[in-house]
Amino acid sequence: MTTVTPLPELTGSYVIDPIHSRIGFVARHAMVTKVRGSFNDFEGTVELDGENPGKSAVNLTIKAASIDTRNAGRDGHLRSGEFLDLENHPTITFVSTGAERPDDRTVQLTGDLTIRGVTRSITIDFDFEGSAKDTYGNQRLGFEGSVDINRKDYGITWNAALETGGVLISDKIVLEFEVSLVKQG
């Protein structure tokens, strides 16, 4: 059972548990449906300062080759130079530059997202889902959040025009984060 422990009591060093976390994305396809995918290989650390969220820090590294949309052909195309360009940019990174806590359940995390060698500042609103001790006695925290980005801002411009008008892939991509943190030490 999770509890709503106040964030100040949860100050400490954490790692992202990749087995119990998901980093995903959603893009509109052919103007009529959505394609969902995820990255299966990532690691990250969080220094949480519950009293002063602005002193908190997050570092996340995603191996771009781990992209998974459940379609090998599409995944191969997404790994190519027309999209993520793995040969030149094997990782996607996020490094926080600030954090705020507008209320007891929300953390607004601002940071630099780097995709394809292009860095842009984004702000992600995370809902604090609670805290719990797992069966091994580890303190866990849960956060969920999402943010819209424009893929063209990161140099991902490939597209195809549709006969009926519009394009094959939306410019807007929704990044989704479901994160389980495990306290260290």
N, C-alpha and C. Protein backbone atom coordinates (compact mmCIF):
# COMPACT_ATOMS: atom_id res chain seq x y z
N MET A 1 0.83 -1.17 0.00
CA MET A 1 0.00 0.00 0.00
C MET A 1 0.88 1.25 0.00
N THR A 2 0.56 2.19 -0.87
CA THR A 2 1.35 3.42 -0.92
C THR A 2 0.79 4.42 0.08
N THR A 3 1.66 5.29 0.52
CA THR A 3 1.25 6.35 1.42
C THR A 3 1.60 7.68 0.79
N VAL A 4 0.98 8.72 1.29
CA VAL A 4 1.27 10.06 0.78
C VAL A 4 2.19 10.74 1.78
N THR A 5 3.41 10.25 1.85
CA THR A 5 4.42 10.85 2.72
C THR A 5 4.78 12.22 2.16
N PRO A 6 4.84 13.23 3.02
CA PRO A 6 5.24 14.55 2.52
C PRO A 6 6.63 14.49 1.90
N LEU A 7 6.82 15.18 0.80
CA LEU A 7 8.10 15.16 0.09
C LEU A 7 9.29 15.55 0.97
N PRO A 8 9.16 16.51 1.91
CA PRO A 8 10.33 16.82 2.73
C PRO A 8 10.89 15.60 3.46
N GLU A 9 10.06 14.68 3.84
CA GLU A 9 10.51 13.47 4.54
C GLU A 9 11.21 12.49 3.60
N LEU A 10 11.13 12.71 2.31
CA LEU A 10 11.69 11.78 1.32
C LEU A 10 12.98 12.29 0.70
N THR A 11 13.56 13.34 1.26
CA THR A 11 14.82 13.88 0.76
C THR A 11 15.88 12.78 0.73
N GLY A 12 16.65 12.73 -0.37
CA GLY A 12 17.72 11.75 -0.47
C GLY A 12 18.12 11.48 -1.89
N SER A 13 19.00 10.49 -2.04
CA SER A 13 19.50 10.07 -3.35
C SER A 13 18.72 8.85 -3.82
N TYR A 14 18.30 8.87 -5.09
CA TYR A 14 17.49 7.80 -5.67
C TYR A 14 18.06 7.41 -7.03
N VAL A 15 17.76 6.19 -7.45
CA VAL A 15 18.00 5.76 -8.82
C VAL A 15 16.66 5.38 -9.44
N ILE A 16 16.56 5.55 -10.75
CA ILE A 16 15.37 5.12 -11.46
C ILE A 16 15.45 3.61 -11.63
N ASP A 17 14.40 2.91 -11.25
CA ASP A 17 14.32 1.46 -11.41
C ASP A 17 13.77 1.17 -12.80
N PRO A 18 14.63 0.78 -13.75
CA PRO A 18 14.16 0.60 -15.14
C PRO A 18 13.19 -0.56 -15.31
N ILE A 19 13.21 -1.51 -14.40
CA ILE A 19 12.30 -2.66 -14.49
C ILE A 19 10.87 -2.27 -14.14
N HIS A 20 10.73 -1.26 -13.30
CA HIS A 20 9.41 -0.83 -12.85
C HIS A 20 9.06 0.58 -13.32
N SER A 21 9.74 1.05 -14.36
CA SER A 21 9.50 2.38 -14.92
C SER A 21 9.28 2.25 -16.42
N ARG A 22 8.67 3.28 -17.00
CA ARG A 22 8.44 3.31 -18.44
C ARG A 22 8.70 4.72 -18.94
N ILE A 23 9.49 4.81 -20.01
CA ILE A 23 9.67 6.08 -20.72
C ILE A 23 9.14 5.83 -22.12
N GLY A 24 8.08 6.52 -22.46
CA GLY A 24 7.42 6.26 -23.73
C GLY A 24 7.12 7.52 -24.51
N PHE A 25 6.46 7.31 -25.64
CA PHE A 25 6.09 8.43 -26.49
C PHE A 25 4.85 8.06 -27.30
N VAL A 26 4.17 9.09 -27.77
CA VAL A 26 2.99 8.92 -28.63
C VAL A 26 3.12 9.91 -29.78
N ALA A 27 2.89 9.41 -31.00
CA ALA A 27 2.88 10.26 -32.19
C ALA A 27 1.62 9.93 -33.00
N ARG A 28 1.05 10.93 -33.64
CA ARG A 28 -0.09 10.69 -34.51
C ARG A 28 0.42 10.17 -35.84
N HIS A 29 -0.26 9.14 -36.37
CA HIS A 29 0.14 8.49 -37.62
C HIS A 29 -0.97 8.63 -38.65
N ALA A 30 -0.63 9.09 -39.83
CA ALA A 30 -1.56 9.24 -40.96
C ALA A 30 -2.76 10.11 -40.60
N MET A 31 -2.59 10.95 -39.61
CA MET A 31 -3.62 11.91 -39.20
C MET A 31 -4.85 11.26 -38.57
N VAL A 32 -4.86 9.93 -38.42
CA VAL A 32 -6.08 9.27 -37.95
C VAL A 32 -5.89 8.36 -36.73
N THR A 33 -4.67 8.03 -36.39
CA THR A 33 -4.45 7.12 -35.27
C THR A 33 -3.17 7.50 -34.55
N LYS A 34 -2.89 6.82 -33.45
CA LYS A 34 -1.68 7.09 -32.68
C LYS A 34 -0.79 5.86 -32.67
N VAL A 35 0.50 6.10 -32.70
CA VAL A 35 1.50 5.04 -32.51
C VAL A 35 2.16 5.32 -31.18
N ARG A 36 2.21 4.28 -30.35
CA ARG A 36 2.86 4.38 -29.04
C ARG A 36 4.13 3.56 -29.06
N GLY A 37 5.12 4.04 -28.37
CA GLY A 37 6.38 3.31 -28.26
C GLY A 37 7.04 3.62 -26.94
N SER A 38 8.16 2.96 -26.72
CA SER A 38 8.90 3.19 -25.49
C SER A 38 10.39 2.97 -25.74
N PHE A 39 11.17 3.37 -24.78
CA PHE A 39 12.60 3.11 -24.76
C PHE A 39 12.83 2.11 -23.64
N ASN A 40 13.49 1.01 -23.97
CA ASN A 40 13.61 -0.08 -23.00
C ASN A 40 14.93 -0.09 -22.24
N ASP A 41 15.86 0.81 -22.58
CA ASP A 41 17.16 0.83 -21.91
C ASP A 41 17.48 2.27 -21.50
N PHE A 42 17.44 2.52 -20.21
CA PHE A 42 17.71 3.86 -19.69
C PHE A 42 18.19 3.74 -18.25
N GLU A 43 18.82 4.81 -17.78
CA GLU A 43 19.25 4.88 -16.39
C GLU A 43 19.20 6.33 -15.95
N GLY A 44 18.99 6.50 -14.65
CA GLY A 44 18.92 7.86 -14.16
C GLY A 44 19.09 7.94 -12.66
N THR A 45 19.47 9.13 -12.21
CA THR A 45 19.60 9.41 -10.79
C THR A 45 18.78 10.64 -10.44
N VAL A 46 18.34 10.67 -9.20
CA VAL A 46 17.57 11.80 -8.69
C VAL A 46 18.11 12.15 -7.31
N GLU A 47 18.43 13.41 -7.13
CA GLU A 47 18.76 13.95 -5.81
C GLU A 47 17.54 14.78 -5.42
N LEU A 48 16.77 14.28 -4.49
CA LEU A 48 15.51 14.94 -4.11
C LEU A 48 15.72 15.74 -2.84
N ASP A 49 15.41 17.02 -2.92
CA ASP A 49 15.41 17.89 -1.75
C ASP A 49 13.97 18.34 -1.54
N GLY A 50 13.28 17.65 -0.66
CA GLY A 50 11.86 17.92 -0.44
C GLY A 50 11.58 19.26 0.19
N GLU A 51 12.52 19.77 0.99
CA GLU A 51 12.34 21.09 1.61
C GLU A 51 12.54 22.21 0.61
N ASN A 52 13.52 22.04 -0.27
CA ASN A 52 13.85 23.05 -1.26
C ASN A 52 13.96 22.39 -2.64
N PRO A 53 12.81 22.17 -3.32
CA PRO A 53 12.82 21.45 -4.60
C PRO A 53 13.78 22.02 -5.63
N GLY A 54 14.07 23.31 -5.58
CA GLY A 54 14.98 23.92 -6.53
C GLY A 54 16.39 23.36 -6.45
N LYS A 55 16.73 22.75 -5.33
CA LYS A 55 18.04 22.11 -5.17
C LYS A 55 18.04 20.66 -5.64
N SER A 56 16.88 20.15 -6.02
CA SER A 56 16.79 18.78 -6.52
C SER A 56 17.44 18.68 -7.89
N ALA A 57 17.91 17.48 -8.25
CA ALA A 57 18.60 17.30 -9.53
C ALA A 57 18.23 15.94 -10.13
N VAL A 58 18.04 15.92 -11.44
CA VAL A 58 17.73 14.69 -12.17
C VAL A 58 18.67 14.58 -13.36
N ASN A 59 19.22 13.38 -13.56
CA ASN A 59 20.03 13.07 -14.73
C ASN A 59 19.51 11.77 -15.32
N LEU A 60 19.13 11.81 -16.58
CA LEU A 60 18.56 10.65 -17.26
C LEU A 60 19.28 10.44 -18.58
N THR A 61 19.67 9.19 -18.85
CA THR A 61 20.27 8.82 -20.13
C THR A 61 19.49 7.66 -20.72
N ILE A 62 19.04 7.84 -21.95
CA ILE A 62 18.27 6.82 -22.67
C ILE A 62 19.11 6.33 -23.84
N LYS A 63 19.22 5.04 -23.99
CA LYS A 63 19.89 4.49 -25.18
C LYS A 63 18.87 4.48 -26.31
N ALA A 64 19.10 5.34 -27.30
CA ALA A 64 18.15 5.52 -28.38
C ALA A 64 17.89 4.23 -29.16
N ALA A 65 18.88 3.33 -29.22
CA ALA A 65 18.70 2.07 -29.94
C ALA A 65 17.64 1.18 -29.31
N SER A 66 17.26 1.47 -28.07
CA SER A 66 16.26 0.65 -27.38
C SER A 66 14.83 1.03 -27.73
N ILE A 67 14.65 1.91 -28.72
CA ILE A 67 13.31 2.31 -29.13
C ILE A 67 12.50 1.08 -29.56
N ASP A 68 11.25 1.02 -29.14
CA ASP A 68 10.42 -0.15 -29.39
C ASP A 68 8.97 0.28 -29.65
N THR A 69 8.53 0.12 -30.89
CA THR A 69 7.14 0.41 -31.25
C THR A 69 6.38 -0.86 -31.62
N ARG A 70 6.98 -2.02 -31.33
CA ARG A 70 6.42 -3.34 -31.64
C ARG A 70 6.36 -3.62 -33.14
N ASN A 71 7.21 -2.92 -33.92
CA ASN A 71 7.30 -3.16 -35.35
C ASN A 71 8.76 -2.97 -35.76
N ALA A 72 9.44 -4.07 -36.10
CA ALA A 72 10.87 -4.03 -36.39
C ALA A 72 11.21 -3.09 -37.54
N GLY A 73 10.40 -3.06 -38.59
CA GLY A 73 10.66 -2.17 -39.72
C GLY A 73 10.59 -0.72 -39.32
N ARG A 74 9.56 -0.37 -38.59
CA ARG A 74 9.40 1.03 -38.14
C ARG A 74 10.53 1.39 -37.17
N ASP A 75 10.86 0.47 -36.25
CA ASP A 75 11.94 0.75 -35.30
C ASP A 75 13.26 0.98 -36.02
N GLY A 76 13.54 0.20 -37.06
CA GLY A 76 14.75 0.40 -37.85
C GLY A 76 14.78 1.76 -38.50
N HIS A 77 13.63 2.20 -39.04
CA HIS A 77 13.55 3.52 -39.65
C HIS A 77 13.78 4.61 -38.61
N LEU A 78 13.19 4.44 -37.41
CA LEU A 78 13.36 5.44 -36.35
C LEU A 78 14.80 5.53 -35.86
N ARG A 79 15.56 4.44 -35.99
CA ARG A 79 16.98 4.45 -35.59
C ARG A 79 17.88 5.08 -36.66
N SER A 80 17.36 5.23 -37.88
CA SER A 80 18.16 5.70 -39.01
C SER A 80 18.44 7.20 -38.93
N GLY A 81 19.25 7.67 -39.88
CA GLY A 81 19.58 9.08 -39.96
C GLY A 81 18.39 9.98 -40.22
N GLU A 82 17.29 9.43 -40.72
CA GLU A 82 16.10 10.25 -40.97
C GLU A 82 15.35 10.59 -39.67
N PHE A 83 15.66 9.86 -38.59
CA PHE A 83 15.00 10.14 -37.31
C PHE A 83 16.03 10.33 -36.20
N LEU A 84 16.32 9.32 -35.41
CA LEU A 84 17.19 9.48 -34.24
C LEU A 84 18.67 9.48 -34.57
N ASP A 85 19.07 8.98 -35.74
CA ASP A 85 20.46 9.02 -36.20
C ASP A 85 21.41 8.42 -35.16
N LEU A 86 21.19 7.13 -34.86
CA LEU A 86 21.96 6.46 -33.82
C LEU A 86 23.46 6.44 -34.09
N GLU A 87 23.83 6.40 -35.34
CA GLU A 87 25.26 6.36 -35.66
C GLU A 87 25.99 7.56 -35.07
N ASN A 88 25.36 8.70 -35.07
CA ASN A 88 25.96 9.92 -34.55
C ASN A 88 25.46 10.33 -33.17
N HIS A 89 24.30 9.82 -32.77
CA HIS A 89 23.66 10.25 -31.51
C HIS A 89 23.05 9.05 -30.79
N PRO A 90 23.88 8.24 -30.14
CA PRO A 90 23.37 7.01 -29.53
C PRO A 90 22.54 7.20 -28.27
N THR A 91 22.57 8.40 -27.68
CA THR A 91 21.80 8.61 -26.45
C THR A 91 20.89 9.83 -26.55
N ILE A 92 19.87 9.79 -25.75
CA ILE A 92 18.97 10.92 -25.49
C ILE A 92 19.17 11.23 -24.02
N THR A 93 19.35 12.50 -23.68
CA THR A 93 19.59 12.84 -22.28
C THR A 93 18.64 13.92 -21.79
N PHE A 94 18.42 13.90 -20.49
CA PHE A 94 17.69 14.97 -19.80
C PHE A 94 18.47 15.29 -18.54
N VAL A 95 18.80 16.58 -18.37
CA VAL A 95 19.50 17.05 -17.19
C VAL A 95 18.69 18.21 -16.62
N SER A 96 18.25 18.08 -15.39
CA SER A 96 17.41 19.12 -14.81
C SER A 96 18.20 20.39 -14.56
N THR A 97 17.49 21.50 -14.65
CA THR A 97 18.06 22.82 -14.35
C THR A 97 17.28 23.53 -13.26
N GLY A 98 16.14 22.96 -12.86
CA GLY A 98 15.35 23.56 -11.81
C GLY A 98 14.12 22.72 -11.52
N ALA A 99 13.56 22.94 -10.34
CA ALA A 99 12.34 22.23 -9.95
C ALA A 99 11.53 23.12 -9.02
N GLU A 100 10.22 22.98 -9.12
CA GLU A 100 9.30 23.70 -8.24
C GLU A 100 8.23 22.73 -7.79
N ARG A 101 7.63 23.02 -6.66
CA ARG A 101 6.53 22.20 -6.16
C ARG A 101 5.32 23.11 -5.94
N PRO A 102 4.46 23.23 -6.96
CA PRO A 102 3.31 24.13 -6.83
C PRO A 102 2.28 23.66 -5.80
N ASP A 103 2.24 22.35 -5.52
CA ASP A 103 1.35 21.81 -4.50
C ASP A 103 1.93 20.49 -3.99
N ASP A 104 1.26 19.86 -3.04
CA ASP A 104 1.79 18.65 -2.40
C ASP A 104 1.87 17.46 -3.34
N ARG A 105 1.17 17.48 -4.45
CA ARG A 105 1.11 16.32 -5.35
C ARG A 105 1.85 16.53 -6.66
N THR A 106 2.39 17.72 -6.90
CA THR A 106 2.98 18.03 -8.19
C THR A 106 4.41 18.56 -8.05
N VAL A 107 5.28 18.09 -8.93
CA VAL A 107 6.63 18.64 -9.06
C VAL A 107 6.80 19.08 -10.51
N GLN A 108 7.15 20.32 -10.72
CA GLN A 108 7.43 20.83 -12.06
C GLN A 108 8.95 20.79 -12.24
N LEU A 109 9.38 19.94 -13.16
CA LEU A 109 10.81 19.73 -13.39
C LEU A 109 11.19 20.38 -14.72
N THR A 110 12.12 21.31 -14.67
CA THR A 110 12.63 21.97 -15.87
C THR A 110 14.04 21.45 -16.12
N GLY A 111 14.35 21.23 -17.41
CA GLY A 111 15.69 20.76 -17.72
C GLY A 111 15.96 20.78 -19.20
N ASP A 112 17.17 20.35 -19.52
CA ASP A 112 17.64 20.32 -20.90
C ASP A 112 17.48 18.92 -21.47
N LEU A 113 16.64 18.81 -22.50
CA LEU A 113 16.43 17.56 -23.22
C LEU A 113 17.27 17.62 -24.49
N THR A 114 18.13 16.60 -24.68
CA THR A 114 18.99 16.55 -25.86
C THR A 114 18.62 15.33 -26.69
N ILE A 115 18.20 15.59 -27.93
CA ILE A 115 17.87 14.55 -28.90
C ILE A 115 18.61 14.90 -30.18
N ARG A 116 19.31 13.93 -30.75
CA ARG A 116 20.03 14.15 -32.02
C ARG A 116 21.04 15.30 -31.92
N GLY A 117 21.59 15.50 -30.73
CA GLY A 117 22.59 16.55 -30.55
C GLY A 117 22.01 17.94 -30.39
N VAL A 118 20.68 18.06 -30.35
CA VAL A 118 20.02 19.36 -30.18
C VAL A 118 19.44 19.41 -28.77
N THR A 119 19.75 20.49 -28.06
CA THR A 119 19.29 20.65 -26.68
C THR A 119 18.26 21.76 -26.59
N ARG A 120 17.15 21.46 -25.95
CA ARG A 120 16.08 22.43 -25.72
C ARG A 120 15.62 22.30 -24.27
N SER A 121 15.22 23.41 -23.69
CA SER A 121 14.68 23.40 -22.33
C SER A 121 13.21 23.00 -22.38
N ILE A 122 12.82 22.09 -21.48
CA ILE A 122 11.41 21.69 -21.37
C ILE A 122 11.03 21.68 -19.90
N THR A 123 9.74 21.74 -19.63
CA THR A 123 9.22 21.62 -18.27
C THR A 123 8.19 20.51 -18.25
N ILE A 124 8.38 19.57 -17.34
CA ILE A 124 7.49 18.41 -17.20
C ILE A 124 6.79 18.50 -15.87
N ASP A 125 5.47 18.42 -15.88
CA ASP A 125 4.71 18.35 -14.63
C ASP A 125 4.60 16.88 -14.23
N PHE A 126 5.12 16.56 -13.05
CA PHE A 126 5.05 15.20 -12.52
C PHE A 126 4.06 15.15 -11.37
N ASP A 127 3.18 14.15 -11.40
CA ASP A 127 2.30 13.88 -10.27
C ASP A 127 3.02 12.92 -9.34
N PHE A 128 3.05 13.24 -8.06
CA PHE A 128 3.64 12.36 -7.06
C PHE A 128 2.59 11.30 -6.73
N GLU A 129 2.89 10.05 -7.05
CA GLU A 129 1.93 8.96 -6.88
C GLU A 129 2.00 8.30 -5.51
N GLY A 130 3.05 8.61 -4.75
CA GLY A 130 3.15 8.08 -3.40
C GLY A 130 4.48 7.42 -3.14
N SER A 131 4.59 6.89 -1.92
CA SER A 131 5.81 6.21 -1.50
C SER A 131 5.44 4.91 -0.80
N ALA A 132 6.38 3.97 -0.84
CA ALA A 132 6.13 2.67 -0.20
C ALA A 132 7.46 1.99 0.06
N LYS A 133 7.46 1.12 1.05
CA LYS A 133 8.60 0.22 1.27
C LYS A 133 8.28 -1.05 0.50
N ASP A 134 9.25 -1.52 -0.31
CA ASP A 134 9.01 -2.76 -1.05
C ASP A 134 9.33 -3.96 -0.16
N THR A 135 9.21 -5.16 -0.70
CA THR A 135 9.39 -6.38 0.10
C THR A 135 10.83 -6.56 0.56
N TYR A 136 11.76 -5.80 0.00
CA TYR A 136 13.16 -5.87 0.40
C TYR A 136 13.54 -4.74 1.35
N GLY A 137 12.56 -3.93 1.74
CA GLY A 137 12.82 -2.82 2.65
C GLY A 137 13.29 -1.55 1.98
N ASN A 138 13.28 -1.51 0.64
CA ASN A 138 13.70 -0.32 -0.10
C ASN A 138 12.60 0.73 -0.12
N GLN A 139 12.96 1.97 0.11
CA GLN A 139 12.02 3.09 -0.02
C GLN A 139 11.83 3.38 -1.50
N ARG A 140 10.59 3.38 -1.98
CA ARG A 140 10.26 3.67 -3.38
C ARG A 140 9.34 4.87 -3.46
N LEU A 141 9.55 5.66 -4.52
CA LEU A 141 8.67 6.78 -4.84
C LEU A 141 8.16 6.59 -6.25
N GLY A 142 6.92 7.01 -6.49
CA GLY A 142 6.35 6.93 -7.82
C GLY A 142 5.97 8.31 -8.34
N PHE A 143 6.35 8.58 -9.59
CA PHE A 143 6.00 9.83 -10.25
C PHE A 143 5.53 9.52 -11.67
N GLU A 144 4.54 10.27 -12.15
CA GLU A 144 4.08 10.16 -13.53
C GLU A 144 3.97 11.55 -14.12
N GLY A 145 4.41 11.67 -15.37
CA GLY A 145 4.32 12.96 -16.03
C GLY A 145 4.40 12.83 -17.54
N SER A 146 4.09 13.92 -18.22
CA SER A 146 4.20 13.94 -19.68
C SER A 146 4.44 15.37 -20.14
N VAL A 147 4.97 15.46 -21.36
CA VAL A 147 5.22 16.77 -21.94
C VAL A 147 5.12 16.63 -23.46
N ASP A 148 4.61 17.66 -24.11
CA ASP A 148 4.57 17.72 -25.57
C ASP A 148 5.83 18.40 -26.08
N ILE A 149 6.44 17.79 -27.11
CA ILE A 149 7.57 18.45 -27.78
C ILE A 149 7.27 18.45 -29.28
N ASN A 150 7.97 19.30 -30.00
CA ASN A 150 7.90 19.32 -31.45
C ASN A 150 9.17 18.65 -31.97
N ARG A 151 9.02 17.54 -32.67
CA ARG A 151 10.18 16.77 -33.13
C ARG A 151 11.07 17.59 -34.05
N LYS A 152 10.50 18.54 -34.80
CA LYS A 152 11.29 19.37 -35.70
C LYS A 152 12.27 20.26 -34.93
N ASP A 153 11.93 20.60 -33.68
CA ASP A 153 12.84 21.39 -32.85
C ASP A 153 14.14 20.64 -32.58
N TYR A 154 14.13 19.32 -32.76
CA TYR A 154 15.30 18.47 -32.52
C TYR A 154 15.90 17.95 -33.83
N GLY A 155 15.55 18.57 -34.94
CA GLY A 155 16.13 18.20 -36.22
C GLY A 155 15.55 16.93 -36.83
N ILE A 156 14.40 16.49 -36.33
CA ILE A 156 13.74 15.29 -36.88
C ILE A 156 12.63 15.78 -37.80
N THR A 157 12.95 15.88 -39.08
CA THR A 157 12.04 16.54 -40.02
C THR A 157 11.45 15.63 -41.08
N TRP A 158 11.92 14.37 -41.17
CA TRP A 158 11.42 13.48 -42.22
C TRP A 158 9.90 13.33 -42.10
N ASN A 159 9.23 13.33 -43.25
CA ASN A 159 7.79 13.11 -43.29
C ASN A 159 7.40 12.72 -44.71
N ALA A 160 6.17 12.35 -44.87
CA ALA A 160 5.63 12.02 -46.20
C ALA A 160 4.23 12.60 -46.30
N ALA A 161 3.94 13.23 -47.45
CA ALA A 161 2.61 13.79 -47.68
C ALA A 161 1.62 12.66 -47.98
N LEU A 162 0.39 12.84 -47.52
CA LEU A 162 -0.67 11.87 -47.79
C LEU A 162 -1.52 12.34 -48.97
N GLU A 163 -2.03 11.40 -49.76
CA GLU A 163 -2.89 11.74 -50.90
C GLU A 163 -4.11 12.53 -50.47
N THR A 164 -4.62 12.23 -49.29
CA THR A 164 -5.84 12.88 -48.80
C THR A 164 -5.55 14.19 -48.09
N GLY A 165 -4.30 14.63 -48.11
CA GLY A 165 -3.91 15.84 -47.40
C GLY A 165 -3.29 15.48 -46.06
N GLY A 166 -2.53 16.37 -45.54
CA GLY A 166 -1.86 16.11 -44.28
C GLY A 166 -0.56 15.34 -44.49
N VAL A 167 -0.01 14.86 -43.39
CA VAL A 167 1.28 14.17 -43.42
C VAL A 167 1.20 12.86 -42.65
N LEU A 168 2.19 12.02 -42.87
CA LEU A 168 2.22 10.70 -42.26
C LEU A 168 2.45 10.75 -40.75
N ILE A 169 3.33 11.64 -40.29
CA ILE A 169 3.70 11.68 -38.87
C ILE A 169 3.52 13.09 -38.33
N SER A 170 2.90 13.18 -37.16
CA SER A 170 2.69 14.48 -36.53
C SER A 170 4.01 15.10 -36.10
N ASP A 171 4.05 16.42 -36.06
CA ASP A 171 5.21 17.12 -35.50
C ASP A 171 5.21 16.99 -33.98
N LYS A 172 4.02 17.01 -33.39
CA LYS A 172 3.89 16.91 -31.93
C LYS A 172 4.11 15.47 -31.48
N ILE A 173 5.00 15.33 -30.51
CA ILE A 173 5.27 14.04 -29.87
C ILE A 173 5.01 14.23 -28.39
N VAL A 174 4.28 13.32 -27.78
CA VAL A 174 4.06 13.35 -26.34
C VAL A 174 5.05 12.39 -25.69
N LEU A 175 5.88 12.91 -24.81
CA LEU A 175 6.78 12.07 -24.04
C LEU A 175 6.10 11.72 -22.72
N GLU A 176 6.15 10.44 -22.35
CA GLU A 176 5.46 9.95 -21.16
C GLU A 176 6.47 9.32 -20.20
N PHE A 177 6.31 9.62 -18.91
CA PHE A 177 7.22 9.11 -17.89
C PHE A 177 6.41 8.49 -16.75
N GLU A 178 6.65 7.23 -16.50
CA GLU A 178 6.10 6.53 -15.34
C GLU A 178 7.30 6.00 -14.60
N VAL A 179 7.66 6.61 -13.48
CA VAL A 179 8.95 6.39 -12.87
C VAL A 179 8.85 5.88 -11.45
N SER A 180 9.58 4.79 -11.20
CA SER A 180 9.73 4.26 -9.85
C SER A 180 11.16 4.56 -9.41
N LEU A 181 11.29 5.29 -8.31
CA LEU A 181 12.60 5.64 -7.78
C LEU A 181 12.90 4.78 -6.55
N VAL A 182 14.14 4.36 -6.41
CA VAL A 182 14.57 3.56 -5.25
C VAL A 182 15.63 4.34 -4.50
N LYS A 183 15.38 4.56 -3.20
CA LYS A 183 16.31 5.33 -2.38
C LYS A 183 17.61 4.55 -2.18
N GLN A 184 18.72 5.28 -2.26
CA GLN A 184 20.05 4.69 -2.09
C GLN A 184 20.59 5.01 -0.70
N GLY A 185 21.25 4.06 -0.10
CA GLY A 185 21.92 4.27 1.19
C GLY A 185 21.04 4.45 2.37
